[in-house]
C-alpha atoms as a PDB file:
ATOM      1  CA  MET A   1       0.000   0.000   0.000  1.00  0.00           C
ATOM      2  CA  PRO A   2       1.454   3.416  -0.924  1.00  0.00           C
ATOM      3  CA  SER A   3       2.297   5.758   1.878  1.00  0.00           C
ATOM      4  CA  PRO A   4      -0.014   8.767   2.362  1.00  0.00           C
ATOM      5  CA  SER A   5       2.709  11.123   1.128  1.00  0.00           C
ATOM      6  CA  SER A   6       3.198   9.289  -2.186  1.00  0.00           C
ATOM      7  CA  THR A   7       0.970  10.111  -5.124  1.00  0.00           C
ATOM      8  CA  SER A   8      -0.239   7.361  -7.471  1.00  0.00           C
ATOM      9  CA  TYR A   9      -1.352   8.302 -10.953  1.00  0.00           C
ATOM     10  CA  LYS A  10      -2.407   4.799 -11.970  1.00  0.00           C
ATOM     11  CA  LEU A  11      -5.979   3.772 -12.583  1.00  0.00           C
ATOM     12  CA  PRO A  12      -7.465   0.941 -10.532  1.00  0.00           C
ATOM     13  CA  ALA A  13      -6.992  -2.541 -12.009  1.00  0.00           C
ATOM     14  CA  ARG A  14     -10.712  -2.788 -12.815  1.00  0.00           C
ATOM     15  CA  TYR A  15     -10.151  -0.413 -15.765  1.00  0.00           C
ATOM     16  CA  ALA A  16      -7.633  -2.706 -17.520  1.00  0.00           C
ATOM     17  CA  GLY A  17     -10.364  -4.431 -19.561  1.00  0.00           C
ATOM     18  CA  LEU A  18     -11.403  -1.092 -21.063  1.00  0.00           C
ATOM     19  CA  LEU A  19      -7.990   0.534 -21.233  1.00  0.00           C
ATOM     20  CA  MET A  20      -6.326  -2.275 -23.194  1.00  0.00           C
ATOM     21  CA  PRO A  21      -8.711  -2.094 -26.185  1.00  0.00           C
ATOM     22  CA  LEU A  22      -8.645   1.716 -25.994  1.00  0.00           C
ATOM     23  CA  VAL A  23      -4.855   1.890 -26.293  1.00  0.00           C
ATOM     24  CA  LEU A  24      -4.757  -0.903 -28.872  1.00  0.00           C
ATOM     25  CA  SER A  25      -7.379   0.776 -31.056  1.00  0.00           C
ATOM     26  CA  VAL A  26      -5.645   4.171 -30.864  1.00  0.00           C
ATOM     27  CA  LEU A  27      -2.256   2.753 -31.857  1.00  0.00           C
ATOM     28  CA  MET A  28      -3.505   0.400 -34.570  1.00  0.00           C
ATOM     29  CA  THR A  29      -5.798   2.903 -36.259  1.00  0.00           C
ATOM     30  CA  PHE A  30      -3.060   5.550 -36.048  1.00  0.00           C
ATOM     31  CA  VAL A  31      -0.658   3.351 -38.035  1.00  0.00           C
ATOM     32  CA  VAL A  32      -3.129   1.728 -40.430  1.00  0.00           C
ATOM     33  CA  SER A  33      -4.928   4.956 -41.345  1.00  0.00           C
ATOM     34  CA  ALA A  34      -1.590   6.705 -41.910  1.00  0.00           C
ATOM     35  CA  ILE A  35      -0.413   3.943 -44.254  1.00  0.00           C
ATOM     36  CA  ALA A  36      -3.717   3.803 -46.163  1.00  0.00           C
ATOM     37  CA  THR A  37      -3.966   7.590 -46.484  1.00  0.00           C
ATOM     38  CA  LEU A  38      -0.326   7.887 -47.520  1.00  0.00           C
ATOM     39  CA  ARG A  39      -0.823   5.160 -50.121  1.00  0.00           C
ATOM     40  CA  SER A  40      -3.918   6.877 -51.520  1.00  0.00           C
ATOM     41  CA  LEU A  41      -2.755  10.501 -51.499  1.00  0.00           C
ATOM     42  CA  GLY A  42       1.026  10.365 -51.277  1.00  0.00           C
ATOM     43  CA  ALA A  43       3.125  12.541 -48.999  1.00  0.00           C
ATOM     44  CA  GLY A  44       2.088  16.170 -49.096  1.00  0.00           C
ATOM     45  CA  ALA A  45      -0.370  18.755 -47.916  1.00  0.00           C
ATOM     46  CA  ASP A  46      -3.349  16.577 -48.876  1.00  0.00           C
ATOM     47  CA  PHE A  47      -2.068  13.822 -46.593  1.00  0.00           C
ATOM     48  CA  LEU A  48      -1.661  16.167 -43.634  1.00  0.00           C
ATOM     49  CA  ALA A  49      -5.129  17.644 -44.213  1.00  0.00           C
ATOM     50  CA  THR A  50      -6.899  14.294 -44.674  1.00  0.00           C
ATOM     51  CA  TRP A  51      -5.187  11.829 -42.352  1.00  0.00           C
ATOM     52  CA  PRO A  52      -6.401  13.150 -38.948  1.00  0.00           C
ATOM     53  CA  THR A  53     -10.015  12.845 -40.080  1.00  0.00           C
ATOM     54  CA  ALA A  54      -9.373   9.383 -41.517  1.00  0.00           C
ATOM     55  CA  TRP A  55      -7.727   8.336 -38.249  1.00  0.00           C
ATOM     56  CA  ALA A  56     -10.606   9.692 -36.118  1.00  0.00           C
ATOM     57  CA  LEU A  57     -13.224   7.927 -38.224  1.00  0.00           C
ATOM     58  CA  SER A  58     -11.323   4.647 -38.184  1.00  0.00           C
ATOM     59  CA  TRP A  59     -10.892   4.863 -34.411  1.00  0.00           C
ATOM     60  CA  LEU A  60     -14.628   5.524 -33.926  1.00  0.00           C
ATOM     61  CA  VAL A  61     -15.277   2.216 -35.693  1.00  0.00           C
ATOM     62  CA  ALA A  62     -12.351   0.241 -34.246  1.00  0.00           C
ATOM     63  CA  PHE A  63     -12.823   0.902 -30.533  1.00  0.00           C
ATOM     64  CA  PRO A  64     -16.434  -0.313 -30.210  1.00  0.00           C
ATOM     65  CA  THR A  65     -15.599  -3.192 -32.559  1.00  0.00           C
ATOM     66  CA  LEU A  66     -12.735  -4.266 -30.286  1.00  0.00           C
ATOM     67  CA  LEU A  67     -14.998  -4.089 -27.260  1.00  0.00           C
ATOM     68  CA  ALA A  68     -17.579  -6.249 -29.019  1.00  0.00           C
ATOM     69  CA  VAL A  69     -15.247  -8.916 -30.429  1.00  0.00           C
ATOM     70  CA  LEU A  70     -12.729  -9.180 -27.586  1.00  0.00           C
ATOM     71  CA  PRO A  71     -14.692 -11.896 -25.694  1.00  0.00           C
ATOM     72  CA  LEU A  72     -14.879 -13.978 -28.885  1.00  0.00           C
ATOM     73  CA  VAL A  73     -11.167 -13.467 -29.564  1.00  0.00           C
ATOM     74  CA  ARG A  74     -10.340 -14.577 -26.006  1.00  0.00           C
ATOM     75  CA  ARG A  75     -12.378 -17.768 -26.507  1.00  0.00           C
ATOM     76  CA  ILE A  76     -10.676 -18.514 -29.832  1.00  0.00           C
ATOM     77  CA  VAL A  77      -7.231 -17.941 -28.316  1.00  0.00           C
ATOM     78  CA  GLY A  78      -8.216 -20.166 -25.400  1.00  0.00           C
ATOM     79  CA  LEU A  79      -8.987 -22.962 -27.860  1.00  0.00           C
ATOM     80  CA  LEU A  80      -5.617 -22.557 -29.567  1.00  0.00           C
ATOM     81  CA  VAL A  81      -3.330 -22.100 -26.539  1.00  0.00           C
ATOM     82  CA  GLU A  82      -2.743 -24.375 -23.567  1.00  0.00           C
ATOM     83  CA  ALA A  83      -3.906 -23.050 -20.235  1.00  0.00           C
ATOM     84  CA  PRO A  84      -1.054 -21.998 -17.932  1.00  0.00           C
ATOM     85  CA  PRO A  85      -0.161 -24.470 -15.158  1.00  0.00           C
ATOM     86  CA  ARG A  86      -1.694 -23.737 -11.762  1.00  0.00           C
END
């Protein structure tokens, strides 16, 4: 337990199930939308003007999708990977 004088900036563990897909969706959509926009428009002013909107839209789709499919993905992974020893 931290001492009263120390300050903790961490969220409680109960938020891990929401924070993991949030961070994953931000990072993945950041990279994928940049690559797709760069491929479509090339490097230049059009890219810089278009990519933030493309990223935001892709994140708005990706985050709720991750939340919805994560239980299914965990089940599939559980079928493919041995359970850790207890």
